[in-house]
Amino acid sequence: MAKTDRFSPAHPAQPSTGAMRRRVALGLPALIALGAAPAARAQAGWPNKPIRMLVGYTPGGFTDNMARAVGEPLGRVLGQPVLFDYKPGANSIIAVDMTAKSAPDGYTLTTVIAAHSANPSLYAKLPFDHANDLVPVALTGVAPLILVANKDFPPSTPAELIAYVKARPGQFNFGSSGIGAAAHLAMEQFMAQHGLKMQLIPYKGTQPALTDLIGGQIQLLFDVPLAMVQHAKAGKIKVIGMSSEKRLPAYPEVPTFAEGGAPFIANTWSMILAPAKTPKEIVTRINAEVQKILASPAVREKLESTGVLPGSGNVDDALAFLNSEVARNARVIRQAGIKLEI
């Protein structure tokens, strides 16, 4: 058998250590670029499949309506459908937790409402970090709350209500669509502002609370105006005031709290969130498309007809708004001494 020389093709010459180092050094940028290429291509092709919108409440409510009002036209603009996935429970924590733990690829979003900003203070521990595991994408709407009363409750204006309840501490009940809901915290803030004492009767949603308001089991209820005004027009309940700066276009006959002698602002709102580390370009793209949708006459008219003021602003504006709401609700919850367990 022929002897093989170490410099023959069977044993190619080995480069020096220095040459190897130079090759490795020169090759690193190329390797990094190759590794980043699939992610860049995926991002450039986004979206190439349906987008999931998690909704933390049951179909038909304010959260669902806002998710669909924006999500359906967003799907048409992007060329991929937005699919609505309902995961109700725990003040929206279930849906938000699923979003936080989803791949940050732009294919999972969630629509939250004001309760999301209360959860960090309501609960001793959440299964996600609200500040670091999620990124605000766009504020989609702000809905001033309306305060309504049982039709036989004597006060008819905010000023009359304050005087009447203050003279009778602890004698009246107010309802809310849940503990920690915007409606609940609005009343806690109003009571603290005016030194009032009433008992909370929490419900699992607005409808059972409204039923008991009509029946007289509770005397007062804050909520979004859509269903409340219809019942007020039918004479089943009475309106105390709208907690907005000015009268809403959809309900010009409803006076504000300021007009009733006691200025007070309280809202619920809706916002789209995505998992943290979702590419900035995708987040910015969704925000831009959502702003166009909210500015369109058809969507604006649809939202305003239900008492919702269309949202606005870029991603940074959404973050600033959310942070301010978290801080505001923390003060209200701390003052009221509210704590919950998941």
C-alpha atoms as a PDB file:
ATOM      1  CA  MET A   1       0.000   0.000   0.000  1.00  0.00           C
ATOM      2  CA  ALA A   2       1.433   3.397  -0.978  1.00  0.00           C
ATOM      3  CA  LYS A   3       2.523   5.695   1.775  1.00  0.00           C
ATOM      4  CA  THR A   4       0.597   8.941   1.886  1.00  0.00           C
ATOM      5  CA  ASP A   5       2.504  12.179   2.470  1.00  0.00           C
ATOM      6  CA  ARG A   6       0.993  14.549   5.024  1.00  0.00           C
ATOM      7  CA  PHE A   7       1.026  17.311   2.400  1.00  0.00           C
ATOM      8  CA  SER A   8      -0.883  15.233  -0.168  1.00  0.00           C
ATOM      9  CA  PRO A   9      -4.587  15.940  -0.878  1.00  0.00           C
ATOM     10  CA  ALA A  10      -5.486  13.338   1.771  1.00  0.00           C
ATOM     11  CA  HIS A  11      -3.819  15.561   4.349  1.00  0.00           C
ATOM     12  CA  PRO A  12      -4.141  19.186   3.275  1.00  0.00           C
ATOM     13  CA  ALA A  13      -1.793  21.711   4.813  1.00  0.00           C
ATOM     14  CA  GLN A  14      -3.051  23.163   8.103  1.00  0.00           C
ATOM     15  CA  PRO A  15      -3.158  26.943   8.455  1.00  0.00           C
ATOM     16  CA  SER A  16      -1.236  28.654  11.199  1.00  0.00           C
ATOM     17  CA  THR A  17      -2.944  29.542  14.484  1.00  0.00           C
ATOM     18  CA  GLY A  18      -2.833  33.236  13.573  1.00  0.00           C
ATOM     19  CA  ALA A  19      -4.452  32.589  10.217  1.00  0.00           C
ATOM     20  CA  MET A  20      -7.216  30.580  11.890  1.00  0.00           C
ATOM     21  CA  ARG A  21      -7.909  33.414  14.309  1.00  0.00           C
ATOM     22  CA  ARG A  22      -8.092  35.903  11.449  1.00  0.00           C
ATOM     23  CA  ARG A  23     -10.538  33.687   9.580  1.00  0.00           C
ATOM     24  CA  VAL A  24     -12.736  33.242  12.652  1.00  0.00           C
ATOM     25  CA  ALA A  25     -12.684  36.965  13.359  1.00  0.00           C
ATOM     26  CA  LEU A  26     -13.524  37.814   9.757  1.00  0.00           C
ATOM     27  CA  GLY A  27     -16.267  35.182   9.712  1.00  0.00           C
ATOM     28  CA  LEU A  28     -18.185  36.329  12.824  1.00  0.00           C
ATOM     29  CA  PRO A  29     -20.076  39.225  11.188  1.00  0.00           C
ATOM     30  CA  ALA A  30     -21.081  36.963   8.342  1.00  0.00           C
ATOM     31  CA  LEU A  31     -22.260  34.279  10.762  1.00  0.00           C
ATOM     32  CA  ILE A  32     -24.262  36.830  12.754  1.00  0.00           C
ATOM     33  CA  ALA A  33     -25.798  38.164   9.551  1.00  0.00           C
ATOM     34  CA  LEU A  34     -26.718  34.636   8.480  1.00  0.00           C
ATOM     35  CA  GLY A  35     -28.318  33.951  11.844  1.00  0.00           C
ATOM     36  CA  ALA A  36     -30.314  37.174  11.698  1.00  0.00           C
ATOM     37  CA  ALA A  37     -31.432  36.644   8.120  1.00  0.00           C
ATOM     38  CA  PRO A  38     -34.387  34.293   8.851  1.00  0.00           C
ATOM     39  CA  ALA A  39     -35.733  36.701  11.529  1.00  0.00           C
ATOM     40  CA  ALA A  40     -35.317  39.650   9.164  1.00  0.00           C
ATOM     41  CA  ARG A  41     -37.063  37.779   6.353  1.00  0.00           C
ATOM     42  CA  ALA A  42     -39.930  36.776   8.675  1.00  0.00           C
ATOM     43  CA  GLN A  43     -40.299  40.366   9.860  1.00  0.00           C
ATOM     44  CA  ALA A  44     -40.197  41.707   6.307  1.00  0.00           C
ATOM     45  CA  GLY A  45     -42.932  39.258   5.323  1.00  0.00           C
ATOM     46  CA  TRP A  46     -45.182  40.056   8.281  1.00  0.00           C
ATOM     47  CA  PRO A  47     -47.991  39.241   8.347  1.00  0.00           C
ATOM     48  CA  ASN A  48     -48.161  36.025   6.364  1.00  0.00           C
ATOM     49  CA  LYS A  49     -50.709  34.248   8.559  1.00  0.00           C
ATOM     50  CA  PRO A  50     -53.738  35.200  10.723  1.00  0.00           C
ATOM     51  CA  ILE A  51     -53.233  37.354  13.808  1.00  0.00           C
ATOM     52  CA  ARG A  52     -54.789  36.295  17.107  1.00  0.00           C
ATOM     53  CA  MET A  53     -56.481  38.935  19.251  1.00  0.00           C
ATOM     54  CA  LEU A  54     -57.014  37.682  22.813  1.00  0.00           C
ATOM     55  CA  VAL A  55     -60.035  39.161  24.600  1.00  0.00           C
ATOM     56  CA  GLY A  56     -60.193  38.849  28.378  1.00  0.00           C
ATOM     57  CA  TYR A  57     -63.977  39.136  28.648  1.00  0.00           C
ATOM     58  CA  THR A  58     -67.037  37.445  27.163  1.00  0.00           C
ATOM     59  CA  PRO A  59     -68.320  38.364  23.691  1.00  0.00           C
ATOM     60  CA  GLY A  60     -70.653  41.328  23.308  1.00  0.00           C
ATOM     61  CA  GLY A  61     -69.245  43.653  25.974  1.00  0.00           C
ATOM     62  CA  PHE A  62     -67.208  46.850  25.741  1.00  0.00           C
ATOM     63  CA  THR A  63     -63.877  45.031  25.369  1.00  0.00           C
ATOM     64  CA  ASP A  64     -65.150  42.790  22.589  1.00  0.00           C
ATOM     65  CA  ASN A  65     -66.801  45.692  20.783  1.00  0.00           C
ATOM     66  CA  MET A  66     -63.587  47.723  20.846  1.00  0.00           C
ATOM     67  CA  ALA A  67     -61.452  44.751  19.794  1.00  0.00           C
ATOM     68  CA  ARG A  68     -63.688  44.152  16.790  1.00  0.00           C
ATOM     69  CA  ALA A  69     -64.183  47.813  15.877  1.00  0.00           C
ATOM     70  CA  VAL A  70     -60.428  48.071  15.296  1.00  0.00           C
ATOM     71  CA  GLY A  71     -59.382  44.458  14.711  1.00  0.00           C
ATOM     72  CA  GLU A  72     -61.698  43.664  11.815  1.00  0.00           C
ATOM     73  CA  PRO A  73     -60.597  46.608   9.627  1.00  0.00           C
ATOM     74  CA  LEU A  74     -56.983  46.033  10.720  1.00  0.00           C
ATOM     75  CA  GLY A  75     -57.163  42.528   9.285  1.00  0.00           C
ATOM     76  CA  ARG A  76     -58.464  43.878   5.975  1.00  0.00           C
ATOM     77  CA  VAL A  77     -55.664  46.461   5.768  1.00  0.00           C
ATOM     78  CA  LEU A  78     -52.947  43.920   6.601  1.00  0.00           C
ATOM     79  CA  GLY A  79     -54.310  41.269   4.277  1.00  0.00           C
ATOM     80  CA  GLN A  80     -54.581  38.674   7.049  1.00  0.00           C
ATOM     81  CA  PRO A  81     -57.635  38.100   9.269  1.00  0.00           C
ATOM     82  CA  VAL A  82     -57.596  39.051  12.933  1.00  0.00           C
ATOM     83  CA  LEU A  83     -59.102  36.128  14.847  1.00  0.00           C
ATOM     84  CA  PHE A  84     -60.757  36.868  18.187  1.00  0.00           C
ATOM     85  CA  ASP A  85     -59.991  34.417  20.976  1.00  0.00           C
ATOM     86  CA  TYR A  86     -62.031  34.822  24.180  1.00  0.00           C
ATOM     87  CA  LYS A  87     -60.321  33.955  27.460  1.00  0.00           C
ATOM     88  CA  PRO A  88     -62.498  35.579  30.141  1.00  0.00           C
ATOM     89  CA  GLY A  89     -61.705  35.530  33.825  1.00  0.00           C
ATOM     90  CA  ALA A  90     -59.695  37.084  36.644  1.00  0.00           C
ATOM     91  CA  ASN A  91     -60.206  40.693  35.571  1.00  0.00           C
ATOM     92  CA  SER A  92     -58.580  39.953  32.162  1.00  0.00           C
ATOM     93  CA  ILE A  93     -55.453  38.444  33.759  1.00  0.00           C
ATOM     94  CA  ILE A  94     -55.853  35.100  31.944  1.00  0.00           C
ATOM     95  CA  ALA A  95     -55.822  36.660  28.478  1.00  0.00           C
ATOM     96  CA  VAL A  96     -53.040  39.099  29.300  1.00  0.00           C
ATOM     97  CA  ASP A  97     -50.876  36.340  30.775  1.00  0.00           C
ATOM     98  CA  MET A  98     -51.312  34.261  27.613  1.00  0.00           C
ATOM     99  CA  THR A  99     -50.271  37.284  25.556  1.00  0.00           C
ATOM    100  CA  ALA A 100     -47.226  37.973  27.715  1.00  0.00           C
ATOM    101  CA  LYS A 101     -46.061  34.375  27.289  1.00  0.00           C
ATOM    102  CA  SER A 102     -46.680  34.223  23.523  1.00  0.00           C
ATOM    103  CA  ALA A 103     -43.962  34.472  20.899  1.00  0.00           C
ATOM    104  CA  PRO A 104     -43.095  38.139  20.245  1.00  0.00           C
ATOM    105  CA  ASP A 105     -43.593  37.836  16.511  1.00  0.00           C
ATOM    106  CA  GLY A 106     -46.532  40.145  15.880  1.00  0.00           C
ATOM    107  CA  TYR A 107     -49.088  37.342  15.615  1.00  0.00           C
ATOM    108  CA  THR A 108     -50.531  37.624  19.146  1.00  0.00           C
ATOM    109  CA  LEU A 109     -52.199  40.761  20.508  1.00  0.00           C
ATOM    110  CA  THR A 110     -54.710  41.500  23.240  1.00  0.00           C
ATOM    111  CA  THR A 111     -57.251  44.239  23.829  1.00  0.00           C
ATOM    112  CA  VAL A 112     -57.417  45.410  27.453  1.00  0.00           C
ATOM    113  CA  ILE A 113     -59.553  47.949  29.256  1.00  0.00           C
ATOM    114  CA  ALA A 114     -59.044  50.139  32.326  1.00  0.00           C
ATOM    115  CA  ALA A 115     -59.112  47.156  34.708  1.00  0.00           C
ATOM    116  CA  HIS A 116     -55.716  46.117  33.335  1.00  0.00           C
ATOM    117  CA  SER A 117     -54.151  49.248  34.839  1.00  0.00           C
ATOM    118  CA  ALA A 118     -55.707  48.467  38.226  1.00  0.00           C
ATOM    119  CA  ASN A 119     -54.540  44.849  38.433  1.00  0.00           C
ATOM    120  CA  PRO A 120     -50.928  45.603  39.510  1.00  0.00           C
ATOM    121  CA  SER A 121     -52.318  47.298  42.639  1.00  0.00           C
ATOM    122  CA  LEU A 122     -55.335  45.069  43.196  1.00  0.00           C
ATOM    123  CA  TYR A 123     -53.389  41.816  43.297  1.00  0.00           C
ATOM    124  CA  ALA A 124     -50.404  41.069  45.503  1.00  0.00           C
ATOM    125  CA  LYS A 125     -48.854  39.008  42.703  1.00  0.00           C
ATOM    126  CA  LEU A 126     -49.544  38.668  38.988  1.00  0.00           C
ATOM    127  CA  PRO A 127     -48.324  35.800  36.768  1.00  0.00           C
ATOM    128  CA  PHE A 128     -46.636  38.359  34.504  1.00  0.00           C
ATOM    129  CA  ASP A 129     -44.715  41.617  34.882  1.00  0.00           C
ATOM    130  CA  HIS A 130     -47.094  44.241  33.548  1.00  0.00           C
ATOM    131  CA  ALA A 131     -44.282  46.721  32.899  1.00  0.00           C
ATOM    132  CA  ASN A 132     -41.703  44.404  31.297  1.00  0.00           C
ATOM    133  CA  ASP A 133     -43.581  41.500  29.710  1.00  0.00           C
ATOM    134  CA  LEU A 134     -45.916  43.555  27.535  1.00  0.00           C
ATOM    135  CA  VAL A 135     -45.684  46.562  25.246  1.00  0.00           C
ATOM    136  CA  PRO A 136     -48.530  49.043  24.577  1.00  0.00           C
ATOM    137  CA  VAL A 137     -49.326  49.258  20.867  1.00  0.00           C
ATOM    138  CA  ALA A 138     -52.186  51.756  20.571  1.00  0.00           C
ATOM    139  CA  LEU A 139     -54.848  53.475  22.656  1.00  0.00           C
ATOM    140  CA  THR A 140     -58.029  52.684  20.731  1.00  0.00           C
ATOM    141  CA  GLY A 141     -60.763  54.464  22.666  1.00  0.00           C
ATOM    142  CA  VAL A 142     -61.796  56.361  25.786  1.00  0.00           C
ATOM    143  CA  ALA A 143     -65.333  56.015  27.143  1.00  0.00           C
ATOM    144  CA  PRO A 144     -66.537  58.462  29.810  1.00  0.00           C
ATOM    145  CA  LEU A 145     -68.660  56.784  32.459  1.00  0.00           C
ATOM    146  CA  ILE A 146     -72.211  57.740  33.291  1.00  0.00           C
ATOM    147  CA  LEU A 147     -73.677  57.605  36.809  1.00  0.00           C
ATOM    148  CA  VAL A 148     -77.238  56.344  36.952  1.00  0.00           C
ATOM    149  CA  ALA A 149     -79.616  55.764  39.852  1.00  0.00           C
ATOM    150  CA  ASN A 150     -82.763  53.864  40.701  1.00  0.00           C
ATOM    151  CA  LYS A 151     -85.692  55.920  39.404  1.00  0.00           C
ATOM    152  CA  ASP A 152     -87.079  56.400  42.940  1.00  0.00           C
ATOM    153  CA  PHE A 153     -83.772  57.570  44.441  1.00  0.00           C
ATOM    154  CA  PRO A 154     -84.388  61.222  45.447  1.00  0.00           C
ATOM    155  CA  PRO A 155     -81.205  62.981  44.172  1.00  0.00           C
ATOM    156  CA  SER A 156     -81.147  63.940  40.498  1.00  0.00           C
ATOM    157  CA  THR A 157     -77.860  65.846  40.189  1.00  0.00           C
ATOM    158  CA  PRO A 158     -74.313  65.209  41.458  1.00  0.00           C
ATOM    159  CA  ALA A 159     -74.574  68.081  43.964  1.00  0.00           C
ATOM    160  CA  GLU A 160     -77.878  66.741  45.327  1.00  0.00           C
ATOM    161  CA  LEU A 161     -76.378  63.255  45.512  1.00  0.00           C
ATOM    162  CA  ILE A 162     -73.392  64.413  47.556  1.00  0.00           C
ATOM    163  CA  ALA A 163     -75.576  66.250  50.091  1.00  0.00           C
ATOM    164  CA  TYR A 164     -78.091  63.415  50.357  1.00  0.00           C
ATOM    165  CA  VAL A 165     -75.577  60.588  50.811  1.00  0.00           C
ATOM    166  CA  LYS A 166     -73.311  62.576  53.130  1.00  0.00           C
ATOM    167  CA  ALA A 167     -76.259  63.069  55.485  1.00  0.00           C
ATOM    168  CA  ARG A 168     -76.937  59.306  55.468  1.00  0.00           C
ATOM    169  CA  PRO A 169     -73.547  57.553  55.659  1.00  0.00           C
ATOM    170  CA  GLY A 170     -73.538  53.824  54.950  1.00  0.00           C
ATOM    171  CA  GLN A 171     -77.229  53.621  54.109  1.00  0.00           C
ATOM    172  CA  PHE A 172     -76.968  53.091  50.362  1.00  0.00           C
ATOM    173  CA  ASN A 173     -75.481  50.515  47.985  1.00  0.00           C
ATOM    174  CA  PHE A 174     -73.719  51.001  44.690  1.00  0.00           C
ATOM    175  CA  GLY A 175     -73.046  48.297  42.136  1.00  0.00           C
ATOM    176  CA  SER A 176     -70.216  47.625  39.754  1.00  0.00           C
ATOM    177  CA  SER A 177     -69.500  45.176  36.963  1.00  0.00           C
ATOM    178  CA  GLY A 178     -66.743  43.681  39.137  1.00  0.00           C
ATOM    179  CA  ILE A 179     -64.266  44.468  41.889  1.00  0.00           C
ATOM    180  CA  GLY A 180     -61.531  46.643  40.461  1.00  0.00           C
ATOM    181  CA  ALA A 181     -63.507  47.499  37.336  1.00  0.00           C
ATOM    182  CA  ALA A 182     -63.420  51.100  36.142  1.00  0.00           C
ATOM    183  CA  ALA A 183     -66.988  51.519  37.386  1.00  0.00           C
ATOM    184  CA  HIS A 184     -65.998  50.376  40.879  1.00  0.00           C
ATOM    185  CA  LEU A 185     -62.893  52.536  41.109  1.00  0.00           C
ATOM    186  CA  ALA A 186     -64.750  55.564  39.732  1.00  0.00           C
ATOM    187  CA  MET A 187     -67.189  55.402  42.638  1.00  0.00           C
ATOM    188  CA  GLU A 188     -64.394  54.839  45.156  1.00  0.00           C
ATOM    189  CA  GLN A 189     -62.650  57.931  43.810  1.00  0.00           C
ATOM    190  CA  PHE A 190     -65.885  59.968  43.876  1.00  0.00           C
ATOM    191  CA  MET A 191     -66.654  58.919  47.449  1.00  0.00           C
ATOM    192  CA  ALA A 192     -63.127  59.754  48.613  1.00  0.00           C
ATOM    193  CA  GLN A 193     -63.279  63.120  46.888  1.00  0.00           C
ATOM    194  CA  HIS A 194     -66.494  64.087  48.680  1.00  0.00           C
ATOM    195  CA  GLY A 195     -66.271  62.154  51.964  1.00  0.00           C
ATOM    196  CA  LEU A 196     -69.115  59.742  51.195  1.00  0.00           C
ATOM    197  CA  LYS A 197     -69.744  56.254  52.557  1.00  0.00           C
ATOM    198  CA  MET A 198     -71.668  53.607  50.635  1.00  0.00           C
ATOM    199  CA  GLN A 199     -71.527  49.838  50.327  1.00  0.00           C
ATOM    200  CA  LEU A 200     -70.181  48.105  47.216  1.00  0.00           C
ATOM    201  CA  ILE A 201     -72.238  45.278  45.727  1.00  0.00           C
ATOM    202  CA  PRO A 202     -70.005  43.646  43.073  1.00  0.00           C
ATOM    203  CA  TYR A 203     -71.513  41.776  40.130  1.00  0.00           C
ATOM    204  CA  LYS A 204     -70.148  39.569  37.365  1.00  0.00           C
ATOM    205  CA  GLY A 205     -70.875  41.998  34.586  1.00  0.00           C
ATOM    206  CA  THR A 206     -73.015  45.059  33.946  1.00  0.00           C
ATOM    207  CA  GLN A 207     -76.316  43.357  33.119  1.00  0.00           C
ATOM    208  CA  PRO A 208     -76.997  41.782  36.549  1.00  0.00           C
ATOM    209  CA  ALA A 209     -76.017  45.059  38.225  1.00  0.00           C
ATOM    210  CA  LEU A 210     -78.414  46.969  35.987  1.00  0.00           C
ATOM    211  CA  THR A 211     -81.197  44.490  36.772  1.00  0.00           C
ATOM    212  CA  ASP A 212     -80.754  45.081  40.502  1.00  0.00           C
ATOM    213  CA  LEU A 213     -80.561  48.844  39.975  1.00  0.00           C
ATOM    214  CA  ILE A 214     -83.916  48.780  38.226  1.00  0.00           C
ATOM    215  CA  GLY A 215     -85.284  46.521  40.982  1.00  0.00           C
ATOM    216  CA  GLY A 216     -84.050  48.788  43.780  1.00  0.00           C
ATOM    217  CA  GLN A 217     -81.550  46.390  45.382  1.00  0.00           C
ATOM    218  CA  ILE A 218     -78.833  48.980  44.674  1.00  0.00           C
ATOM    219  CA  GLN A 219     -79.236  52.725  44.333  1.00  0.00           C
ATOM    220  CA  LEU A 220     -76.344  53.778  42.097  1.00  0.00           C
ATOM    221  CA  LEU A 221     -74.226  52.434  39.248  1.00  0.00           C
ATOM    222  CA  PHE A 222     -71.367  53.799  37.148  1.00  0.00           C
ATOM    223  CA  ASP A 223     -70.913  52.263  33.696  1.00  0.00           C
ATOM    224  CA  VAL A 224     -70.498  53.057  30.017  1.00  0.00           C
ATOM    225  CA  PRO A 225     -73.474  55.035  28.710  1.00  0.00           C
ATOM    226  CA  LEU A 226     -74.713  52.854  25.831  1.00  0.00           C
ATOM    227  CA  ALA A 227     -77.127  50.579  27.719  1.00  0.00           C
ATOM    228  CA  MET A 228     -77.757  53.018  30.576  1.00  0.00           C
ATOM    229  CA  VAL A 229     -79.157  55.853  28.463  1.00  0.00           C
ATOM    230  CA  GLN A 230     -81.588  53.508  26.700  1.00  0.00           C
ATOM    231  CA  HIS A 231     -83.069  52.459  30.043  1.00  0.00           C
ATOM    232  CA  ALA A 232     -83.138  56.064  31.259  1.00  0.00           C
ATOM    233  CA  LYS A 233     -85.104  57.112  28.181  1.00  0.00           C
ATOM    234  CA  ALA A 234     -87.554  54.308  28.949  1.00  0.00           C
ATOM    235  CA  GLY A 235     -88.020  55.688  32.482  1.00  0.00           C
ATOM    236  CA  LYS A 236     -86.577  52.621  34.221  1.00  0.00           C
ATOM    237  CA  ILE A 237     -83.622  54.483  35.787  1.00  0.00           C
ATOM    238  CA  LYS A 238     -82.494  58.094  36.095  1.00  0.00           C
ATOM    239  CA  VAL A 239     -79.277  59.767  34.994  1.00  0.00           C
ATOM    240  CA  ILE A 240     -77.205  61.660  37.574  1.00  0.00           C
ATOM    241  CA  GLY A 241     -74.472  62.870  35.229  1.00  0.00           C
ATOM    242  CA  MET A 242     -71.807  62.106  32.645  1.00  0.00           C
ATOM    243  CA  SER A 243     -68.234  62.063  33.975  1.00  0.00           C
ATOM    244  CA  SER A 244     -66.734  63.845  30.967  1.00  0.00           C
ATOM    245  CA  GLU A 245     -65.325  67.301  30.351  1.00  0.00           C
ATOM    246  CA  LYS A 246     -68.134  68.151  27.952  1.00  0.00           C
ATOM    247  CA  ARG A 247     -71.340  66.573  26.720  1.00  0.00           C
ATOM    248  CA  LEU A 248     -70.877  63.624  24.395  1.00  0.00           C
ATOM    249  CA  PRO A 249     -72.038  63.980  20.777  1.00  0.00           C
ATOM    250  CA  ALA A 250     -74.095  60.795  21.086  1.00  0.00           C
ATOM    251  CA  TYR A 251     -75.904  61.979  24.228  1.00  0.00           C
ATOM    252  CA  PRO A 252     -76.257  65.764  24.019  1.00  0.00           C
ATOM    253  CA  GLU A 253     -79.152  65.686  26.479  1.00  0.00           C
ATOM    254  CA  VAL A 254     -77.037  64.239  29.312  1.00  0.00           C
ATOM    255  CA  PRO A 255     -75.339  66.926  31.462  1.00  0.00           C
ATOM    256  CA  THR A 256     -71.828  66.537  32.810  1.00  0.00           C
ATOM    257  CA  PHE A 257     -70.944  66.312  36.490  1.00  0.00           C
ATOM    258  CA  ALA A 258     -69.612  69.868  36.302  1.00  0.00           C
ATOM    259  CA  GLU A 259     -72.973  71.090  35.035  1.00  0.00           C
ATOM    260  CA  GLY A 260     -74.569  69.274  37.970  1.00  0.00           C
ATOM    261  CA  GLY A 261     -72.457  71.156  40.509  1.00  0.00           C
ATOM    262  CA  ALA A 262     -69.659  68.624  41.186  1.00  0.00           C
ATOM    263  CA  PRO A 263     -66.915  68.351  38.525  1.00  0.00           C
ATOM    264  CA  PHE A 264     -65.673  64.778  38.131  1.00  0.00           C
ATOM    265  CA  ILE A 265     -63.922  62.872  35.345  1.00  0.00           C
ATOM    266  CA  ALA A 266     -63.938  59.070  35.108  1.00  0.00           C
ATOM    267  CA  ASN A 267     -63.358  56.864  32.079  1.00  0.00           C
ATOM    268  CA  THR A 268     -62.841  53.385  30.931  1.00  0.00           C
ATOM    269  CA  TRP A 269     -60.702  52.864  27.857  1.00  0.00           C
ATOM    270  CA  SER A 270     -59.334  50.237  25.504  1.00  0.00           C
ATOM    271  CA  MET A 271     -55.790  49.542  24.364  1.00  0.00           C
ATOM    272  CA  ILE A 272     -53.962  46.973  22.274  1.00  0.00           C
ATOM    273  CA  LEU A 273     -50.952  45.253  23.863  1.00  0.00           C
ATOM    274  CA  ALA A 274     -48.343  42.893  22.426  1.00  0.00           C
ATOM    275  CA  PRO A 275     -45.721  40.655  24.019  1.00  0.00           C
ATOM    276  CA  ALA A 276     -42.538  42.451  24.999  1.00  0.00           C
ATOM    277  CA  LYS A 277     -39.717  42.157  22.435  1.00  0.00           C
ATOM    278  CA  THR A 278     -42.178  42.223  19.556  1.00  0.00           C
ATOM    279  CA  PRO A 279     -40.124  43.917  16.812  1.00  0.00           C
ATOM    280  CA  LYS A 280     -40.437  47.681  17.052  1.00  0.00           C
ATOM    281  CA  GLU A 281     -41.157  47.911  13.338  1.00  0.00           C
ATOM    282  CA  ILE A 282     -44.215  45.666  13.706  1.00  0.00           C
ATOM    283  CA  VAL A 283     -45.507  47.532  16.758  1.00  0.00           C
ATOM    284  CA  THR A 284     -45.070  50.848  14.973  1.00  0.00           C
ATOM    285  CA  ARG A 285     -46.791  49.490  11.849  1.00  0.00           C
ATOM    286  CA  ILE A 286     -49.820  48.279  13.813  1.00  0.00           C
ATOM    287  CA  ASN A 287     -50.051  51.616  15.626  1.00  0.00           C
ATOM    288  CA  ALA A 288     -49.940  53.536  12.340  1.00  0.00           C
ATOM    289  CA  GLU A 289     -52.659  51.384  10.767  1.00  0.00           C
ATOM    290  CA  VAL A 290     -54.841  51.636  13.882  1.00  0.00           C
ATOM    291  CA  GLN A 291     -54.561  55.437  13.853  1.00  0.00           C
ATOM    292  CA  LYS A 292     -55.739  55.500  10.232  1.00  0.00           C
ATOM    293  CA  ILE A 293     -58.655  53.229  11.128  1.00  0.00           C
ATOM    294  CA  LEU A 294     -59.679  55.383  14.101  1.00  0.00           C
ATOM    295  CA  ALA A 295     -59.503  58.529  11.956  1.00  0.00           C
ATOM    296  CA  SER A 296     -61.745  57.078   9.252  1.00  0.00           C
ATOM    297  CA  PRO A 297     -65.238  58.641   9.236  1.00  0.00           C
ATOM    298  CA  ALA A 298     -67.034  55.278   9.400  1.00  0.00           C
ATOM    299  CA  VAL A 299     -65.196  54.000  12.473  1.00  0.00           C
ATOM    300  CA  ARG A 300     -65.197  57.386  14.210  1.00  0.00           C
ATOM    301  CA  GLU A 301     -68.947  57.717  13.727  1.00  0.00           C
ATOM    302  CA  LYS A 302     -69.527  54.155  14.921  1.00  0.00           C
ATOM    303  CA  LEU A 303     -67.543  54.671  18.127  1.00  0.00           C
ATOM    304  CA  GLU A 304     -68.907  58.121  18.918  1.00  0.00           C
ATOM    305  CA  SER A 305     -72.477  56.870  18.453  1.00  0.00           C
ATOM    306  CA  THR A 306     -71.907  54.566  21.458  1.00  0.00           C
ATOM    307  CA  GLY A 307     -70.273  57.231  23.641  1.00  0.00           C
ATOM    308  CA  VAL A 308     -66.666  56.233  22.877  1.00  0.00           C
ATOM    309  CA  LEU A 309     -64.093  58.858  21.948  1.00  0.00           C
ATOM    310  CA  PRO A 310     -61.657  57.343  19.408  1.00  0.00           C
ATOM    311  CA  GLY A 311     -58.117  56.958  20.707  1.00  0.00           C
ATOM    312  CA  SER A 312     -55.068  58.617  19.218  1.00  0.00           C
ATOM    313  CA  GLY A 313     -51.304  58.886  19.584  1.00  0.00           C
ATOM    314  CA  ASN A 314     -48.195  56.872  18.832  1.00  0.00           C
ATOM    315  CA  VAL A 315     -46.668  54.002  20.774  1.00  0.00           C
ATOM    316  CA  ASP A 316     -44.928  56.324  23.251  1.00  0.00           C
ATOM    317  CA  ASP A 317     -48.212  58.127  23.889  1.00  0.00           C
ATOM    318  CA  ALA A 318     -49.913  54.805  24.644  1.00  0.00           C
ATOM    319  CA  LEU A 319     -47.188  53.901  27.136  1.00  0.00           C
ATOM    320  CA  ALA A 320     -47.417  57.282  28.866  1.00  0.00           C
ATOM    321  CA  PHE A 321     -51.206  56.970  29.100  1.00  0.00           C
ATOM    322  CA  LEU A 322     -50.994  53.453  30.562  1.00  0.00           C
ATOM    323  CA  ASN A 323     -48.369  54.478  33.125  1.00  0.00           C
ATOM    324  CA  SER A 324     -50.492  57.412  34.256  1.00  0.00           C
ATOM    325  CA  GLU A 325     -53.532  55.140  34.662  1.00  0.00           C
ATOM    326  CA  VAL A 326     -51.541  52.588  36.667  1.00  0.00           C
ATOM    327  CA  ALA A 327     -50.369  55.361  39.015  1.00  0.00           C
ATOM    328  CA  ARG A 328     -53.837  56.899  39.354  1.00  0.00           C
ATOM    329  CA  ASN A 329     -55.526  53.590  40.121  1.00  0.00           C
ATOM    330  CA  ALA A 330     -52.799  52.717  42.617  1.00  0.00           C
ATOM    331  CA  ARG A 331     -53.721  55.817  44.620  1.00  0.00           C
ATOM    332  CA  VAL A 332     -57.442  55.034  44.533  1.00  0.00           C
ATOM    333  CA  ILE A 333     -56.936  51.374  45.495  1.00  0.00           C
ATOM    334  CA  ARG A 334     -54.506  52.211  48.301  1.00  0.00           C
ATOM    335  CA  GLN A 335     -56.901  54.794  49.748  1.00  0.00           C
ATOM    336  CA  ALA A 336     -59.862  52.398  49.551  1.00  0.00           C
ATOM    337  CA  GLY A 337     -57.837  49.484  50.948  1.00  0.00           C
ATOM    338  CA  ILE A 338     -58.848  47.030  48.205  1.00  0.00           C
ATOM    339  CA  LYS A 339     -56.915  43.752  47.796  1.00  0.00           C
ATOM    340  CA  LEU A 340     -57.734  40.646  45.794  1.00  0.00           C
ATOM    341  CA  GLU A 341     -56.320  37.167  45.301  1.00  0.00           C
ATOM    342  CA  ILE A 342     -56.194  35.426  41.943  1.00  0.00           C
END
